[in-house]
Amino acid sequence: MSTKLRELQKKDRDGLEKILAGIPSFDQEDQAIALELIDIALNNPDQIDYLISLAVDEKDWPVGYACYGHTPLTDGTFDLYWIAVDHNMAGKGIGTLLLKAVEDDIRKRNGRMLIIETSSSQEYEKPRQFYCKNNYPLIETIKDFYRTGEHRVTFIKRFID
């Protein structure tokens, strides 16, 4: 299978919605928020808050995406809001391809760092392993952040020291 990156287009929304619906750890609220950010990117081409990196297959169908943006009130800090890959395509390097594209774009924007926040719940074990594998050290855990017993874990990669 051949995967390539390209610009997000309106025709991609349905495919991205299916990807989000197929991820077991994303509940309906997660899916709604992720789609809201996709819609902002699609419907407001001049906005700069939500940047999308899109991966498509040889049929030009979405197989994954990453949504990220500059953190308000910072100099060169970015947040990764969502990264999602079609569950049928997991483990094929698409997530890494997307993450590297995000990192490259942040570097072009003179970004200093990328921050990734996620849950400590068991459902997010694979994403946490993915971030570690891609050289994002765990820098912080805030206990009981999401709810009692579910902590927020924060990973960071610095591009300029």
N, C-alpha and C. Protein backbone atom coordinates (compact mmCIF):
# COMPACT_ATOMS: atom_id res chain seq x y z
N MET A 1 0.83 -1.18 0.00
CA MET A 1 0.00 0.00 0.00
C MET A 1 0.88 1.25 0.00
N SER A 2 0.47 2.23 -0.75
CA SER A 2 1.19 3.48 -0.86
C SER A 2 0.42 4.58 -0.12
N THR A 3 1.09 5.23 0.80
CA THR A 3 0.48 6.31 1.57
C THR A 3 1.20 7.61 1.23
N LYS A 4 0.41 8.66 1.02
CA LYS A 4 1.02 9.96 0.76
C LYS A 4 0.30 11.01 1.59
N LEU A 5 0.96 12.14 1.74
CA LEU A 5 0.39 13.28 2.44
C LEU A 5 -0.11 14.29 1.42
N ARG A 6 -1.23 14.93 1.75
CA ARG A 6 -1.73 16.02 0.90
C ARG A 6 -2.58 16.95 1.74
N GLU A 7 -3.00 18.05 1.11
CA GLU A 7 -3.85 19.04 1.76
C GLU A 7 -5.23 18.45 2.06
N LEU A 8 -5.81 18.88 3.16
CA LEU A 8 -7.17 18.50 3.52
C LEU A 8 -8.15 19.14 2.54
N GLN A 9 -9.15 18.34 2.11
CA GLN A 9 -10.20 18.82 1.21
C GLN A 9 -11.56 18.47 1.80
N LYS A 10 -12.59 19.21 1.36
CA LYS A 10 -13.94 18.96 1.89
C LYS A 10 -14.37 17.51 1.68
N LYS A 11 -13.94 16.90 0.59
CA LYS A 11 -14.34 15.51 0.30
C LYS A 11 -13.79 14.52 1.33
N ASP A 12 -12.83 14.94 2.15
CA ASP A 12 -12.19 14.05 3.12
C ASP A 12 -12.97 13.90 4.41
N ARG A 13 -13.94 14.78 4.65
CA ARG A 13 -14.61 14.80 5.96
C ARG A 13 -15.26 13.47 6.30
N ASP A 14 -16.00 12.86 5.37
CA ASP A 14 -16.67 11.59 5.65
C ASP A 14 -15.68 10.49 6.01
N GLY A 15 -14.57 10.44 5.29
CA GLY A 15 -13.55 9.44 5.60
C GLY A 15 -12.93 9.65 6.97
N LEU A 16 -12.71 10.90 7.33
CA LEU A 16 -12.15 11.19 8.65
C LEU A 16 -13.16 10.88 9.75
N GLU A 17 -14.42 11.14 9.49
CA GLU A 17 -15.45 10.80 10.47
C GLU A 17 -15.49 9.29 10.71
N LYS A 18 -15.34 8.50 9.65
CA LYS A 18 -15.31 7.04 9.80
C LYS A 18 -14.08 6.58 10.57
N ILE A 19 -12.95 7.22 10.33
CA ILE A 19 -11.74 6.87 11.07
C ILE A 19 -11.97 7.12 12.56
N LEU A 20 -12.50 8.29 12.89
CA LEU A 20 -12.73 8.63 14.30
C LEU A 20 -13.72 7.68 14.95
N ALA A 21 -14.77 7.31 14.22
CA ALA A 21 -15.78 6.39 14.77
C ALA A 21 -15.22 4.99 15.01
N GLY A 22 -14.15 4.64 14.30
CA GLY A 22 -13.57 3.30 14.43
C GLY A 22 -12.50 3.18 15.49
N ILE A 23 -12.21 4.24 16.19
CA ILE A 23 -11.18 4.19 17.23
C ILE A 23 -11.86 3.94 18.57
N PRO A 24 -11.64 2.76 19.16
CA PRO A 24 -12.36 2.39 20.38
C PRO A 24 -12.20 3.36 21.54
N SER A 25 -11.04 4.00 21.66
CA SER A 25 -10.82 4.89 22.79
C SER A 25 -11.47 6.26 22.61
N PHE A 26 -11.97 6.56 21.42
CA PHE A 26 -12.64 7.84 21.18
C PHE A 26 -14.13 7.67 21.40
N ASP A 27 -14.65 8.31 22.45
CA ASP A 27 -16.10 8.25 22.66
C ASP A 27 -16.77 9.31 21.77
N GLN A 28 -18.10 9.42 21.88
CA GLN A 28 -18.83 10.35 21.01
C GLN A 28 -18.40 11.80 21.23
N GLU A 29 -18.09 12.15 22.46
CA GLU A 29 -17.64 13.52 22.72
C GLU A 29 -16.29 13.78 22.06
N ASP A 30 -15.37 12.82 22.17
CA ASP A 30 -14.07 12.95 21.49
C ASP A 30 -14.27 13.13 19.99
N GLN A 31 -15.11 12.29 19.42
CA GLN A 31 -15.36 12.35 17.98
C GLN A 31 -15.94 13.70 17.58
N ALA A 32 -16.90 14.20 18.35
CA ALA A 32 -17.54 15.48 18.04
C ALA A 32 -16.54 16.63 18.08
N ILE A 33 -15.67 16.63 19.08
CA ILE A 33 -14.68 17.71 19.19
C ILE A 33 -13.68 17.62 18.04
N ALA A 34 -13.22 16.41 17.74
CA ALA A 34 -12.27 16.24 16.64
C ALA A 34 -12.89 16.70 15.32
N LEU A 35 -14.14 16.35 15.09
CA LEU A 35 -14.82 16.78 13.85
C LEU A 35 -15.03 18.29 13.83
N GLU A 36 -15.27 18.87 14.98
CA GLU A 36 -15.43 20.32 15.04
C GLU A 36 -14.15 21.03 14.57
N LEU A 37 -13.00 20.52 14.99
CA LEU A 37 -11.74 21.13 14.57
C LEU A 37 -11.49 20.90 13.08
N ILE A 38 -11.85 19.73 12.58
CA ILE A 38 -11.74 19.45 11.14
C ILE A 38 -12.62 20.42 10.38
N ASP A 39 -13.86 20.63 10.85
CA ASP A 39 -14.79 21.55 10.18
C ASP A 39 -14.27 22.98 10.19
N ILE A 40 -13.66 23.39 11.28
CA ILE A 40 -13.07 24.73 11.32
C ILE A 40 -12.00 24.86 10.24
N ALA A 41 -11.13 23.86 10.16
CA ALA A 41 -10.06 23.88 9.15
C ALA A 41 -10.63 23.88 7.73
N LEU A 42 -11.69 23.11 7.51
CA LEU A 42 -12.28 23.03 6.17
C LEU A 42 -13.06 24.27 5.78
N ASN A 43 -13.80 24.84 6.73
CA ASN A 43 -14.72 25.92 6.40
C ASN A 43 -14.15 27.32 6.56
N ASN A 44 -12.99 27.42 7.14
CA ASN A 44 -12.33 28.71 7.35
C ASN A 44 -10.89 28.62 6.87
N PRO A 45 -10.68 28.62 5.56
CA PRO A 45 -9.33 28.38 5.05
C PRO A 45 -8.28 29.39 5.51
N ASP A 46 -8.71 30.57 5.98
CA ASP A 46 -7.75 31.56 6.43
C ASP A 46 -7.37 31.42 7.90
N GLN A 47 -8.09 30.55 8.62
CA GLN A 47 -7.77 30.37 10.04
C GLN A 47 -6.42 29.68 10.18
N ILE A 48 -5.76 29.91 11.29
CA ILE A 48 -4.43 29.32 11.51
C ILE A 48 -4.35 28.57 12.83
N ASP A 49 -5.48 28.42 13.51
CA ASP A 49 -5.48 27.77 14.82
C ASP A 49 -5.38 26.26 14.74
N TYR A 50 -5.97 25.67 13.71
CA TYR A 50 -6.02 24.22 13.58
C TYR A 50 -5.44 23.82 12.23
N LEU A 51 -4.26 23.27 12.27
CA LEU A 51 -3.56 22.82 11.07
C LEU A 51 -3.75 21.31 10.97
N ILE A 52 -3.93 20.84 9.74
CA ILE A 52 -4.20 19.41 9.52
C ILE A 52 -3.14 18.84 8.59
N SER A 53 -2.59 17.71 8.99
CA SER A 53 -1.75 16.90 8.13
C SER A 53 -2.56 15.65 7.80
N LEU A 54 -2.75 15.37 6.53
CA LEU A 54 -3.63 14.29 6.08
C LEU A 54 -2.86 13.23 5.32
N ALA A 55 -3.11 11.97 5.65
CA ALA A 55 -2.53 10.83 4.92
C ALA A 55 -3.64 10.14 4.15
N VAL A 56 -3.36 9.82 2.89
CA VAL A 56 -4.34 9.14 2.04
C VAL A 56 -3.69 7.91 1.40
N ASP A 57 -4.56 6.97 1.01
CA ASP A 57 -4.07 5.75 0.35
C ASP A 57 -3.98 5.96 -1.16
N GLU A 58 -3.68 4.88 -1.87
CA GLU A 58 -3.51 4.98 -3.33
C GLU A 58 -4.80 5.36 -4.05
N LYS A 59 -5.94 5.21 -3.40
CA LYS A 59 -7.23 5.63 -3.98
C LYS A 59 -7.60 7.04 -3.54
N ASP A 60 -6.69 7.73 -2.87
CA ASP A 60 -6.89 9.09 -2.38
C ASP A 60 -7.94 9.16 -1.28
N TRP A 61 -8.08 8.06 -0.51
CA TRP A 61 -9.03 8.00 0.60
C TRP A 61 -8.26 8.23 1.90
N PRO A 62 -8.78 9.04 2.82
CA PRO A 62 -8.08 9.29 4.08
C PRO A 62 -7.83 8.01 4.89
N VAL A 63 -6.60 7.88 5.36
CA VAL A 63 -6.24 6.76 6.24
C VAL A 63 -5.73 7.26 7.59
N GLY A 64 -5.58 8.57 7.72
CA GLY A 64 -5.16 9.13 8.99
C GLY A 64 -4.97 10.63 8.89
N TYR A 65 -4.93 11.26 10.05
CA TYR A 65 -4.70 12.70 10.07
C TYR A 65 -4.15 13.11 11.43
N ALA A 66 -3.54 14.27 11.43
CA ALA A 66 -3.09 14.91 12.67
C ALA A 66 -3.57 16.34 12.64
N CYS A 67 -4.07 16.80 13.78
CA CYS A 67 -4.50 18.19 13.94
C CYS A 67 -3.63 18.81 15.03
N TYR A 68 -3.06 19.94 14.72
CA TYR A 68 -2.14 20.60 15.65
C TYR A 68 -2.25 22.11 15.46
N GLY A 69 -1.67 22.85 16.37
CA GLY A 69 -1.71 24.29 16.23
C GLY A 69 -0.81 24.98 17.23
N HIS A 70 -0.56 26.24 16.94
CA HIS A 70 0.26 27.08 17.81
C HIS A 70 -0.49 27.29 19.12
N THR A 71 0.22 27.14 20.22
CA THR A 71 -0.37 27.36 21.54
C THR A 71 -0.49 28.86 21.78
N PRO A 72 -1.70 29.35 22.04
CA PRO A 72 -1.87 30.79 22.26
C PRO A 72 -0.96 31.31 23.36
N LEU A 73 -0.51 32.54 23.17
CA LEU A 73 0.30 33.28 24.14
C LEU A 73 1.69 32.67 24.36
N THR A 74 2.17 31.90 23.39
CA THR A 74 3.51 31.34 23.49
C THR A 74 4.33 31.75 22.27
N ASP A 75 5.62 31.60 22.40
CA ASP A 75 6.55 31.86 21.32
C ASP A 75 7.09 30.51 20.83
N GLY A 76 6.46 29.98 19.78
CA GLY A 76 6.98 28.77 19.16
C GLY A 76 6.58 27.46 19.79
N THR A 77 5.57 27.47 20.65
CA THR A 77 5.08 26.23 21.23
C THR A 77 3.83 25.80 20.48
N PHE A 78 3.75 24.51 20.19
CA PHE A 78 2.61 23.94 19.47
C PHE A 78 2.01 22.80 20.28
N ASP A 79 0.73 22.57 20.07
CA ASP A 79 0.02 21.44 20.67
C ASP A 79 -0.43 20.48 19.58
N LEU A 80 -0.31 19.19 19.85
CA LEU A 80 -0.92 18.17 18.99
C LEU A 80 -2.29 17.89 19.60
N TYR A 81 -3.34 18.25 18.87
CA TYR A 81 -4.69 18.07 19.39
C TYR A 81 -5.22 16.66 19.16
N TRP A 82 -5.00 16.14 17.97
CA TRP A 82 -5.49 14.81 17.63
C TRP A 82 -4.54 14.18 16.62
N ILE A 83 -4.35 12.91 16.76
CA ILE A 83 -3.72 12.11 15.71
C ILE A 83 -4.50 10.82 15.67
N ALA A 84 -4.95 10.46 14.48
CA ALA A 84 -5.80 9.28 14.34
C ALA A 84 -5.47 8.57 13.04
N VAL A 85 -5.44 7.25 13.12
CA VAL A 85 -5.19 6.41 11.95
C VAL A 85 -6.30 5.37 11.87
N ASP A 86 -6.74 5.09 10.68
CA ASP A 86 -7.75 4.05 10.47
C ASP A 86 -7.31 2.79 11.21
N HIS A 87 -8.19 2.25 12.05
CA HIS A 87 -7.79 1.10 12.89
C HIS A 87 -7.37 -0.11 12.06
N ASN A 88 -7.84 -0.21 10.82
CA ASN A 88 -7.42 -1.30 9.93
C ASN A 88 -6.00 -1.10 9.39
N MET A 89 -5.48 0.12 9.55
CA MET A 89 -4.15 0.46 9.02
C MET A 89 -3.12 0.65 10.14
N ALA A 90 -3.53 0.41 11.37
CA ALA A 90 -2.63 0.62 12.50
C ALA A 90 -1.37 -0.24 12.37
N GLY A 91 -0.27 0.30 12.81
CA GLY A 91 0.99 -0.44 12.80
C GLY A 91 1.71 -0.44 11.47
N LYS A 92 1.26 0.36 10.52
CA LYS A 92 1.88 0.39 9.18
C LYS A 92 2.70 1.66 8.93
N GLY A 93 2.97 2.41 9.99
CA GLY A 93 3.83 3.59 9.85
C GLY A 93 3.10 4.88 9.52
N ILE A 94 1.79 4.84 9.42
CA ILE A 94 1.05 6.05 9.04
C ILE A 94 1.10 7.09 10.16
N GLY A 95 0.96 6.67 11.40
CA GLY A 95 1.05 7.60 12.51
C GLY A 95 2.41 8.29 12.56
N THR A 96 3.46 7.51 12.35
CA THR A 96 4.81 8.08 12.35
C THR A 96 4.98 9.06 11.19
N LEU A 97 4.47 8.70 10.02
CA LEU A 97 4.52 9.60 8.86
C LEU A 97 3.83 10.92 9.18
N LEU A 98 2.66 10.86 9.79
CA LEU A 98 1.92 12.07 10.15
C LEU A 98 2.67 12.89 11.19
N LEU A 99 3.18 12.22 12.22
CA LEU A 99 3.87 12.93 13.28
C LEU A 99 5.12 13.62 12.74
N LYS A 100 5.85 12.97 11.86
CA LYS A 100 7.04 13.58 11.26
C LYS A 100 6.65 14.78 10.40
N ALA A 101 5.52 14.69 9.69
CA ALA A 101 5.06 15.82 8.88
C ALA A 101 4.71 17.01 9.77
N VAL A 102 4.07 16.74 10.90
CA VAL A 102 3.75 17.80 11.87
C VAL A 102 5.05 18.44 12.37
N GLU A 103 6.00 17.62 12.76
CA GLU A 103 7.28 18.13 13.26
C GLU A 103 7.98 18.99 12.21
N ASP A 104 8.00 18.53 10.96
CA ASP A 104 8.64 19.28 9.88
C ASP A 104 7.97 20.63 9.69
N ASP A 105 6.64 20.65 9.74
CA ASP A 105 5.92 21.91 9.56
C ASP A 105 6.20 22.86 10.73
N ILE A 106 6.24 22.33 11.92
CA ILE A 106 6.52 23.17 13.09
C ILE A 106 7.92 23.77 12.98
N ARG A 107 8.87 22.98 12.53
CA ARG A 107 10.23 23.50 12.35
C ARG A 107 10.23 24.63 11.31
N LYS A 108 9.48 24.45 10.22
CA LYS A 108 9.40 25.50 9.19
C LYS A 108 8.80 26.79 9.74
N ARG A 109 7.95 26.65 10.74
CA ARG A 109 7.31 27.81 11.38
C ARG A 109 8.15 28.34 12.55
N ASN A 110 9.39 27.88 12.63
CA ASN A 110 10.30 28.26 13.72
C ASN A 110 9.76 27.88 15.08
N GLY A 111 9.03 26.76 15.12
CA GLY A 111 8.52 26.27 16.39
C GLY A 111 9.63 25.70 17.25
N ARG A 112 9.45 25.85 18.55
CA ARG A 112 10.46 25.38 19.49
C ARG A 112 10.13 24.02 20.08
N MET A 113 8.82 23.72 20.20
CA MET A 113 8.45 22.46 20.84
C MET A 113 7.03 22.06 20.46
N LEU A 114 6.79 20.75 20.62
CA LEU A 114 5.45 20.19 20.42
C LEU A 114 5.07 19.48 21.71
N ILE A 115 3.88 19.81 22.20
CA ILE A 115 3.37 19.22 23.43
C ILE A 115 2.20 18.30 23.08
N ILE A 116 2.20 17.13 23.70
CA ILE A 116 1.14 16.15 23.49
C ILE A 116 0.60 15.76 24.86
N GLU A 117 -0.70 15.92 25.03
CA GLU A 117 -1.36 15.52 26.27
C GLU A 117 -2.33 14.39 25.97
N THR A 118 -2.34 13.39 26.83
CA THR A 118 -3.25 12.27 26.65
C THR A 118 -3.62 11.69 28.02
N SER A 119 -4.42 10.67 27.98
CA SER A 119 -4.94 10.06 29.20
C SER A 119 -4.04 8.92 29.66
N SER A 120 -4.10 8.68 30.97
CA SER A 120 -3.38 7.55 31.55
C SER A 120 -4.18 6.25 31.48
N SER A 121 -5.41 6.31 30.98
CA SER A 121 -6.26 5.12 30.98
C SER A 121 -5.67 4.02 30.09
N GLN A 122 -6.06 2.80 30.35
CA GLN A 122 -5.54 1.65 29.62
C GLN A 122 -5.78 1.77 28.12
N GLU A 123 -6.91 2.38 27.72
CA GLU A 123 -7.22 2.52 26.30
C GLU A 123 -6.16 3.33 25.55
N TYR A 124 -5.41 4.15 26.28
CA TYR A 124 -4.41 5.01 25.65
C TYR A 124 -2.98 4.49 25.83
N GLU A 125 -2.84 3.25 26.21
CA GLU A 125 -1.50 2.67 26.37
C GLU A 125 -0.73 2.66 25.05
N LYS A 126 -1.36 2.23 23.96
CA LYS A 126 -0.65 2.19 22.67
C LYS A 126 -0.24 3.59 22.21
N PRO A 127 -1.12 4.60 22.30
CA PRO A 127 -0.65 5.94 21.94
C PRO A 127 0.53 6.40 22.80
N ARG A 128 0.49 6.12 24.09
CA ARG A 128 1.61 6.53 24.95
C ARG A 128 2.91 5.85 24.50
N GLN A 129 2.83 4.57 24.17
CA GLN A 129 4.01 3.85 23.67
C GLN A 129 4.49 4.46 22.35
N PHE A 130 3.54 4.83 21.49
CA PHE A 130 3.86 5.46 20.20
C PHE A 130 4.65 6.75 20.41
N TYR A 131 4.20 7.60 21.34
CA TYR A 131 4.90 8.85 21.58
C TYR A 131 6.31 8.60 22.11
N CYS A 132 6.45 7.66 23.02
CA CYS A 132 7.78 7.33 23.54
C CYS A 132 8.68 6.81 22.43
N LYS A 133 8.14 5.94 21.58
CA LYS A 133 8.91 5.37 20.47
C LYS A 133 9.39 6.46 19.51
N ASN A 134 8.63 7.55 19.43
CA ASN A 134 8.98 8.65 18.54
C ASN A 134 9.73 9.77 19.27
N ASN A 135 10.38 9.39 20.37
CA ASN A 135 11.27 10.29 21.11
C ASN A 135 10.57 11.47 21.78
N TYR A 136 9.41 11.21 22.32
CA TYR A 136 8.70 12.19 23.14
C TYR A 136 8.77 11.71 24.59
N PRO A 137 9.62 12.31 25.39
CA PRO A 137 9.68 11.88 26.79
C PRO A 137 8.44 12.34 27.56
N LEU A 138 8.04 11.52 28.50
CA LEU A 138 6.97 11.87 29.42
C LEU A 138 7.53 12.90 30.39
N ILE A 139 6.92 14.08 30.46
CA ILE A 139 7.47 15.12 31.32
C ILE A 139 6.59 15.46 32.51
N GLU A 140 5.32 15.03 32.47
CA GLU A 140 4.43 15.43 33.55
C GLU A 140 3.23 14.50 33.61
N THR A 141 2.80 14.23 34.82
CA THR A 141 1.54 13.53 35.06
C THR A 141 0.75 14.33 36.08
N ILE A 142 -0.46 14.70 35.71
CA ILE A 142 -1.33 15.39 36.65
C ILE A 142 -2.39 14.40 37.08
N LYS A 143 -2.30 13.98 38.33
CA LYS A 143 -3.20 12.95 38.86
C LYS A 143 -4.64 13.44 38.88
N ASP A 144 -5.53 12.53 38.54
CA ASP A 144 -6.98 12.76 38.60
C ASP A 144 -7.44 13.94 37.75
N PHE A 145 -6.72 14.25 36.69
CA PHE A 145 -7.05 15.40 35.85
C PHE A 145 -8.40 15.23 35.15
N TYR A 146 -8.58 14.11 34.45
CA TYR A 146 -9.82 13.90 33.69
C TYR A 146 -10.97 13.49 34.60
N ARG A 147 -10.65 12.63 35.53
CA ARG A 147 -11.59 12.17 36.56
C ARG A 147 -10.77 11.41 37.58
N THR A 148 -11.34 11.08 38.69
CA THR A 148 -10.60 10.36 39.72
C THR A 148 -10.04 9.06 39.13
N GLY A 149 -8.74 8.90 39.24
CA GLY A 149 -8.08 7.70 38.73
C GLY A 149 -7.61 7.80 37.29
N GLU A 150 -7.99 8.85 36.58
CA GLU A 150 -7.55 9.04 35.19
C GLU A 150 -6.72 10.32 35.11
N HIS A 151 -5.43 10.13 34.90
CA HIS A 151 -4.48 11.22 34.94
C HIS A 151 -4.21 11.76 33.54
N ARG A 152 -3.75 13.00 33.50
CA ARG A 152 -3.26 13.56 32.23
C ARG A 152 -1.77 13.34 32.19
N VAL A 153 -1.29 12.77 31.09
CA VAL A 153 0.14 12.58 30.89
C VAL A 153 0.57 13.47 29.73
N THR A 154 1.70 14.12 29.92
CA THR A 154 2.17 15.10 28.94
C THR A 154 3.54 14.69 28.42
N PHE A 155 3.65 14.69 27.10
CA PHE A 155 4.89 14.39 26.40
C PHE A 155 5.34 15.66 25.69
N ILE A 156 6.63 15.78 25.47
CA ILE A 156 7.14 16.96 24.80
C ILE A 156 8.35 16.60 23.95
N LYS A 157 8.47 17.29 22.83
CA LYS A 157 9.69 17.21 22.02
C LYS A 157 10.11 18.63 21.73
N ARG A 158 11.38 18.90 22.04
CA ARG A 158 11.94 20.23 21.77
C ARG A 158 12.69 20.18 20.43
N PHE A 159 12.51 21.23 19.64
CA PHE A 159 13.18 21.32 18.35
C PHE A 159 14.36 22.27 18.40
N ILE A 160 14.30 23.23 19.32
CA ILE A 160 15.38 24.20 19.51
C ILE A 160 15.65 24.25 20.99
N ASP A 161 16.88 24.00 21.38
CA ASP A 161 17.24 24.05 22.81
C ASP A 161 17.80 25.40 23.19
